[in-house]
C-alpha atoms as a PDB file:
ATOM      1  CA  MET A   1     112.492 128.644 130.173  1.00  0.00           C
ATOM      2  CA  ILE A   2     114.837 131.255 128.102  1.00  0.00           C
ATOM      3  CA  ASP A   3     115.067 130.660 124.769  1.00  0.00           C
ATOM      4  CA  HIS A   4     118.889 130.792 124.158  1.00  0.00           C
ATOM      5  CA  LYS A   5     120.488 131.989 120.778  1.00  0.00           C
ATOM      6  CA  ARG A   6     122.435 129.532 119.420  1.00  0.00           C
ATOM      7  CA  VAL A   7     125.993 130.623 118.892  1.00  0.00           C
ATOM      8  CA  ALA A   8     128.792 129.420 116.081  1.00  0.00           C
ATOM      9  CA  ILE A   9     132.484 130.150 116.445  1.00  0.00           C
ATOM     10  CA  LEU A  10     134.784 130.312 113.951  1.00  0.00           C
ATOM     11  CA  ILE A  11     138.404 129.954 114.526  1.00  0.00           C
ATOM     12  CA  SER A  12     141.885 128.833 113.206  1.00  0.00           C
ATOM     13  CA  GLY A  13     144.226 128.657 115.770  1.00  0.00           C
ATOM     14  CA  GLY A  14     144.370 128.409 119.731  1.00  0.00           C
ATOM     15  CA  GLY A  15     140.915 129.887 120.004  1.00  0.00           C
ATOM     16  CA  SER A  16     141.440 132.254 123.227  1.00  0.00           C
ATOM     17  CA  ASN A  17     138.683 134.591 122.362  1.00  0.00           C
ATOM     18  CA  MET A  18     136.415 131.714 121.590  1.00  0.00           C
ATOM     19  CA  LEU A  19     137.258 130.308 124.968  1.00  0.00           C
ATOM     20  CA  ALA A  20     136.364 133.955 126.293  1.00  0.00           C
ATOM     21  CA  LEU A  21     133.001 133.539 124.722  1.00  0.00           C
ATOM     22  CA  VAL A  22     132.392 130.411 126.018  1.00  0.00           C
ATOM     23  CA  ARG A  23     133.018 130.660 129.253  1.00  0.00           C
ATOM     24  CA  ASP A  24     130.969 133.754 129.684  1.00  0.00           C
ATOM     25  CA  MET A  25     127.864 131.893 127.992  1.00  0.00           C
ATOM     26  CA  ALA A  26     126.573 130.651 131.058  1.00  0.00           C
ATOM     27  CA  GLY A  27     124.074 131.064 133.880  1.00  0.00           C
ATOM     28  CA  ASP A  28     121.460 134.346 132.838  1.00  0.00           C
ATOM     29  CA  HIS A  29     123.568 134.551 129.186  1.00  0.00           C
ATOM     30  CA  PRO A  30     120.930 134.954 126.476  1.00  0.00           C
ATOM     31  CA  ALA A  31     123.065 132.661 124.132  1.00  0.00           C
ATOM     32  CA  ARG A  32     124.790 128.983 124.206  1.00  0.00           C
ATOM     33  CA  PRO A  33     127.638 127.682 121.711  1.00  0.00           C
ATOM     34  CA  VAL A  34     126.237 125.189 119.655  1.00  0.00           C
ATOM     35  CA  LEU A  35     129.566 124.538 117.160  1.00  0.00           C
ATOM     36  CA  VAL A  36     133.362 125.531 117.359  1.00  0.00           C
ATOM     37  CA  ALA A  37     134.582 125.312 113.564  1.00  0.00           C
ATOM     38  CA  SER A  38     137.972 125.669 112.106  1.00  0.00           C
ATOM     39  CA  ASN A  39     139.492 125.866 108.652  1.00  0.00           C
ATOM     40  CA  ASP A  40     142.202 123.782 110.254  1.00  0.00           C
ATOM     41  CA  PRO A  41     142.024 120.582 111.582  1.00  0.00           C
ATOM     42  CA  GLU A  42     145.236 121.041 113.859  1.00  0.00           C
ATOM     43  CA  ALA A  43     143.902 124.031 115.315  1.00  0.00           C
ATOM     44  CA  ALA A  44     144.151 123.723 119.003  1.00  0.00           C
ATOM     45  CA  GLY A  45     141.286 125.583 120.013  1.00  0.00           C
ATOM     46  CA  LEU A  46     139.268 122.481 118.226  1.00  0.00           C
ATOM     47  CA  ALA A  47     140.250 120.514 121.315  1.00  0.00           C
ATOM     48  CA  ARG A  48     139.995 122.733 123.605  1.00  0.00           C
ATOM     49  CA  ALA A  49     136.218 123.110 122.805  1.00  0.00           C
ATOM     50  CA  ALA A  50     135.582 119.805 122.759  1.00  0.00           C
ATOM     51  CA  ASP A  51     137.364 119.274 126.554  1.00  0.00           C
ATOM     52  CA  LEU A  52     134.245 121.547 127.160  1.00  0.00           C
ATOM     53  CA  GLY A  53     131.650 119.305 125.725  1.00  0.00           C
ATOM     54  CA  ILE A  54     130.970 121.778 122.655  1.00  0.00           C
ATOM     55  CA  GLU A  55     130.260 120.039 119.167  1.00  0.00           C
ATOM     56  CA  THR A  56     133.787 121.047 117.014  1.00  0.00           C
ATOM     57  CA  ALA A  57     133.957 120.872 113.209  1.00  0.00           C
ATOM     58  CA  ALA A  58     136.940 121.087 110.679  1.00  0.00           C
ATOM     59  CA  VAL A  59     136.526 122.232 107.175  1.00  0.00           C
ATOM     60  CA  ASP A  60     140.399 121.855 105.861  1.00  0.00           C
ATOM     61  CA  HIS A  61     140.298 124.887 103.302  1.00  0.00           C
ATOM     62  CA  ARG A  62     143.512 123.440 101.536  1.00  0.00           C
ATOM     63  CA  PRO A  63     141.978 120.870  99.887  1.00  0.00           C
ATOM     64  CA  PHE A  64     140.028 123.303  97.784  1.00  0.00           C
ATOM     65  CA  GLY A  65     142.724 125.400  96.461  1.00  0.00           C
ATOM     66  CA  LYS A  66     141.716 128.870  95.297  1.00  0.00           C
ATOM     67  CA  ASP A  67     138.010 127.628  95.237  1.00  0.00           C
ATOM     68  CA  ARG A  68     136.751 129.741  97.869  1.00  0.00           C
ATOM     69  CA  ALA A  69     132.966 129.133  96.860  1.00  0.00           C
ATOM     70  CA  ALA A  70     133.743 125.492  97.187  1.00  0.00           C
ATOM     71  CA  PHE A  71     135.170 125.858 100.701  1.00  0.00           C
ATOM     72  CA  GLU A  72     132.459 128.103 102.113  1.00  0.00           C
ATOM     73  CA  ALA A  73     129.986 125.382 100.698  1.00  0.00           C
ATOM     74  CA  ALA A  74     131.519 122.821 102.802  1.00  0.00           C
ATOM     75  CA  LEU A  75     131.515 125.313 105.839  1.00  0.00           C
ATOM     76  CA  THR A  76     127.703 126.296 105.302  1.00  0.00           C
ATOM     77  CA  GLU A  77     126.878 122.907 105.173  1.00  0.00           C
ATOM     78  CA  ARG A  78     128.286 122.152 108.352  1.00  0.00           C
ATOM     79  CA  LEU A  79     127.248 125.211 109.958  1.00  0.00           C
ATOM     80  CA  GLU A  80     123.433 124.443 108.715  1.00  0.00           C
ATOM     81  CA  ARG A  81     123.555 121.487 110.473  1.00  0.00           C
ATOM     82  CA  ALA A  82     124.227 123.543 113.719  1.00  0.00           C
ATOM     83  CA  ARG A  83     121.465 126.105 113.177  1.00  0.00           C
ATOM     84  CA  PRO A  84     122.970 128.743 114.776  1.00  0.00           C
ATOM     85  CA  ASP A  85     121.125 132.290 115.147  1.00  0.00           C
ATOM     86  CA  ILE A  86     124.496 134.014 116.003  1.00  0.00           C
ATOM     87  CA  ILE A  87     127.829 133.525 113.846  1.00  0.00           C
ATOM     88  CA  CYS A  88     131.181 134.633 116.187  1.00  0.00           C
ATOM     89  CA  LEU A  89     134.801 135.063 114.254  1.00  0.00           C
ATOM     90  CA  ALA A  90     137.090 134.590 116.525  1.00  0.00           C
ATOM     91  CA  GLY A  91     140.559 134.421 115.156  1.00  0.00           C
ATOM     92  CA  PHE A  92     139.372 133.031 111.656  1.00  0.00           C
ATOM     93  CA  MET A  93     142.209 133.849 109.208  1.00  0.00           C
ATOM     94  CA  ARG A  94     140.082 133.078 106.149  1.00  0.00           C
ATOM     95  CA  ILE A  95     138.582 136.563 103.931  1.00  0.00           C
ATOM     96  CA  LEU A  96     134.970 135.299 103.216  1.00  0.00           C
ATOM     97  CA  THR A  97     133.372 135.935  99.978  1.00  0.00           C
ATOM     98  CA  PRO A  98     130.152 138.265  99.535  1.00  0.00           C
ATOM     99  CA  GLY A  99     128.131 135.182  99.054  1.00  0.00           C
ATOM    100  CA  PHE A 100     128.775 133.429 102.445  1.00  0.00           C
ATOM    101  CA  ILE A 101     128.413 136.967 104.133  1.00  0.00           C
ATOM    102  CA  SER A 102     124.927 137.537 102.763  1.00  0.00           C
ATOM    103  CA  ARG A 103     123.655 134.475 103.913  1.00  0.00           C
ATOM    104  CA  TRP A 104     124.639 135.450 107.557  1.00  0.00           C
ATOM    105  CA  GLU A 105     124.955 139.005 107.071  1.00  0.00           C
ATOM    106  CA  GLY A 106     123.178 140.803 110.301  1.00  0.00           C
ATOM    107  CA  ARG A 107     123.940 137.614 112.526  1.00  0.00           C
ATOM    108  CA  MET A 108     127.947 137.705 111.840  1.00  0.00           C
ATOM    109  CA  LEU A 109     130.255 139.183 114.365  1.00  0.00           C
ATOM    110  CA  ASN A 110     134.011 139.346 114.003  1.00  0.00           C
ATOM    111  CA  ILE A 111     136.728 140.608 116.571  1.00  0.00           C
ATOM    112  CA  HIS A 112     140.007 142.745 115.013  1.00  0.00           C
ATOM    113  CA  PRO A 113     142.581 144.298 116.811  1.00  0.00           C
ATOM    114  CA  SER A 114     142.637 147.770 115.846  1.00  0.00           C
ATOM    115  CA  LEU A 115     140.531 150.846 117.107  1.00  0.00           C
ATOM    116  CA  LEU A 116     138.495 150.606 113.548  1.00  0.00           C
ATOM    117  CA  PRO A 117     138.013 152.183 111.046  1.00  0.00           C
ATOM    118  CA  LYS A 118     142.071 152.745 111.425  1.00  0.00           C
ATOM    119  CA  TYR A 119     144.154 149.683 110.120  1.00  0.00           C
ATOM    120  CA  ARG A 120     142.273 147.309 108.604  1.00  0.00           C
ATOM    121  CA  GLY A 121     143.387 143.920 107.244  1.00  0.00           C
ATOM    122  CA  LEU A 122     146.774 142.616 108.701  1.00  0.00           C
ATOM    123  CA  HIS A 123     149.730 143.315 111.040  1.00  0.00           C
ATOM    124  CA  THR A 124     147.642 145.972 112.882  1.00  0.00           C
ATOM    125  CA  HIS A 125     150.145 146.581 116.031  1.00  0.00           C
ATOM    126  CA  ALA A 126     153.313 147.313 114.038  1.00  0.00           C
ATOM    127  CA  ARG A 127     151.319 149.898 111.675  1.00  0.00           C
ATOM    128  CA  ALA A 128     150.099 151.678 115.111  1.00  0.00           C
ATOM    129  CA  ILE A 129     153.800 151.872 116.350  1.00  0.00           C
ATOM    130  CA  GLU A 130     154.586 153.292 112.819  1.00  0.00           C
ATOM    131  CA  ALA A 131     152.049 155.915 112.837  1.00  0.00           C
ATOM    132  CA  GLY A 132     153.038 157.210 116.382  1.00  0.00           C
ATOM    133  CA  ASP A 133     149.313 156.739 117.347  1.00  0.00           C
ATOM    134  CA  ALA A 134     149.112 157.209 121.332  1.00  0.00           C
ATOM    135  CA  GLU A 135     146.490 154.374 121.712  1.00  0.00           C
ATOM    136  CA  HIS A 136     145.619 151.449 119.734  1.00  0.00           C
ATOM    137  CA  GLY A 137     142.896 148.773 120.874  1.00  0.00           C
ATOM    138  CA  CYS A 138     140.299 146.389 119.270  1.00  0.00           C
ATOM    139  CA  SER A 139     136.900 146.539 118.039  1.00  0.00           C
ATOM    140  CA  VAL A 140     134.192 144.148 117.538  1.00  0.00           C
ATOM    141  CA  HIS A 141     131.872 144.813 114.563  1.00  0.00           C
ATOM    142  CA  GLU A 142     129.370 143.200 112.316  1.00  0.00           C
ATOM    143  CA  VAL A 143     130.490 141.425 109.123  1.00  0.00           C
ATOM    144  CA  THR A 144     129.724 143.108 105.916  1.00  0.00           C
ATOM    145  CA  ALA A 145     131.159 142.214 102.358  1.00  0.00           C
ATOM    146  CA  GLU A 146     133.844 145.209 103.177  1.00  0.00           C
ATOM    147  CA  LEU A 147     137.086 143.757 104.925  1.00  0.00           C
ATOM    148  CA  ASP A 148     136.546 144.541 108.569  1.00  0.00           C
ATOM    149  CA  GLY A 149     134.075 147.227 107.504  1.00  0.00           C
ATOM    150  CA  GLY A 150     130.965 146.930 108.992  1.00  0.00           C
ATOM    151  CA  PRO A 151     129.266 148.614 111.728  1.00  0.00           C
ATOM    152  CA  VAL A 152     131.148 148.801 115.027  1.00  0.00           C
ATOM    153  CA  LEU A 153     129.699 147.220 118.068  1.00  0.00           C
ATOM    154  CA  GLY A 154     132.200 147.711 120.601  1.00  0.00           C
ATOM    155  CA  GLN A 155     135.937 148.787 121.267  1.00  0.00           C
ATOM    156  CA  ALA A 156     138.236 148.911 123.924  1.00  0.00           C
ATOM    157  CA  ARG A 157     141.533 151.057 124.207  1.00  0.00           C
ATOM    158  CA  VAL A 158     145.013 150.517 125.267  1.00  0.00           C
ATOM    159  CA  ARG A 159     148.127 152.981 125.646  1.00  0.00           C
ATOM    160  CA  ILE A 160     150.824 152.181 123.261  1.00  0.00           C
ATOM    161  CA  GLU A 161     154.168 152.895 125.715  1.00  0.00           C
ATOM    162  CA  ALA A 162     157.225 153.998 124.835  1.00  0.00           C
ATOM    163  CA  GLY A 163     159.465 151.442 123.469  1.00  0.00           C
ATOM    164  CA  ASP A 164     156.638 148.952 122.352  1.00  0.00           C
ATOM    165  CA  THR A 165     157.150 145.959 120.198  1.00  0.00           C
ATOM    166  CA  PRO A 166     154.331 144.886 118.296  1.00  0.00           C
ATOM    167  CA  ASP A 167     154.236 141.878 120.509  1.00  0.00           C
ATOM    168  CA  ASP A 168     154.092 144.011 123.753  1.00  0.00           C
ATOM    169  CA  LEU A 169     150.998 145.317 122.236  1.00  0.00           C
ATOM    170  CA  ALA A 170     149.574 142.534 120.753  1.00  0.00           C
ATOM    171  CA  ALA A 171     149.625 141.157 124.529  1.00  0.00           C
ATOM    172  CA  ARG A 172     147.537 144.113 125.933  1.00  0.00           C
ATOM    173  CA  VAL A 173     145.145 144.206 123.571  1.00  0.00           C
ATOM    174  CA  LEU A 174     144.463 140.553 123.810  1.00  0.00           C
ATOM    175  CA  VAL A 175     143.533 140.900 127.374  1.00  0.00           C
ATOM    176  CA  GLN A 176     141.292 143.863 125.812  1.00  0.00           C
ATOM    177  CA  GLU A 177     139.756 141.626 123.363  1.00  0.00           C
ATOM    178  CA  HIS A 178     139.048 138.842 126.064  1.00  0.00           C
ATOM    179  CA  ARG A 179     137.058 141.700 128.148  1.00  0.00           C
ATOM    180  CA  LEU A 180     134.826 143.188 124.791  1.00  0.00           C
ATOM    181  CA  TYR A 181     133.656 140.404 122.782  1.00  0.00           C
ATOM    182  CA  PRO A 182     131.401 138.967 125.441  1.00  0.00           C
ATOM    183  CA  MET A 183     130.383 141.876 126.148  1.00  0.00           C
ATOM    184  CA  VAL A 184     129.266 142.565 122.841  1.00  0.00           C
ATOM    185  CA  LEU A 185     128.041 139.067 122.142  1.00  0.00           C
ATOM    186  CA  ARG A 186     125.441 139.175 125.339  1.00  0.00           C
ATOM    187  CA  ARG A 187     124.197 142.451 124.166  1.00  0.00           C
ATOM    188  CA  PHE A 188     123.926 141.310 120.278  1.00  0.00           C
ATOM    189  CA  ALA A 189     121.961 138.068 121.486  1.00  0.00           C
ATOM    190  CA  VAL A 190     119.531 140.492 123.197  1.00  0.00           C
ATOM    191  CA  GLY A 191     119.056 142.411 119.805  1.00  0.00           C
ATOM    192  CA  ASP A 192     120.935 145.742 121.531  1.00  0.00           C
ATOM    193  CA  ARG A 193     123.450 147.010 119.332  1.00  0.00           C
ATOM    194  CA  ARG A 194     124.101 150.066 121.475  1.00  0.00           C
ATOM    195  CA  PRO A 195     128.217 149.852 121.161  1.00  0.00           C
ATOM    196  CA  VAL A 196     130.487 148.778 124.030  1.00  0.00           C
ATOM    197  CA  LEU A 197     133.168 151.436 125.025  1.00  0.00           C
ATOM    198  CA  LEU A 198     135.986 150.292 127.226  1.00  0.00           C
END
């Protein structure tokens, strides 16, 4: 009997990358989803996960104000009850403190909509267009205390077409995110950190 890795997924919105991960974690996949958690109780992805029979949790960041450590303590308490082996950030829109990251370092992945190390942070699609880049894409990386700076475990590329708007580009990149993230997680769950390049 296979000993599946336990995966918790953190979201802030609709959870499209979460759904891509969850749908892949079936059959011979070495991992299974045990929790989908959000910092927003209204996140549509929570209902989507619950519909799939996955345990969900909401830890609203707003009552904690600027006290990120207190928010993360509440989130950690909820995560520890689920006993995850791996945490996947999938559109989780909170910057995590070094204390939280060190607790899970080596077991936490994130997907970012750029070809890292280019365009860390926000507004990546607009920045790639403004720079005149020929291509753009997405990266899956291990989470470290450096924002969007951990080891890259996979990248998928898309061409930037003449006349692209940031929304056009975001839509094409999202299609690749849904391909890339499940492939990287499948490898990562068996200890394979060789980069996936699409």
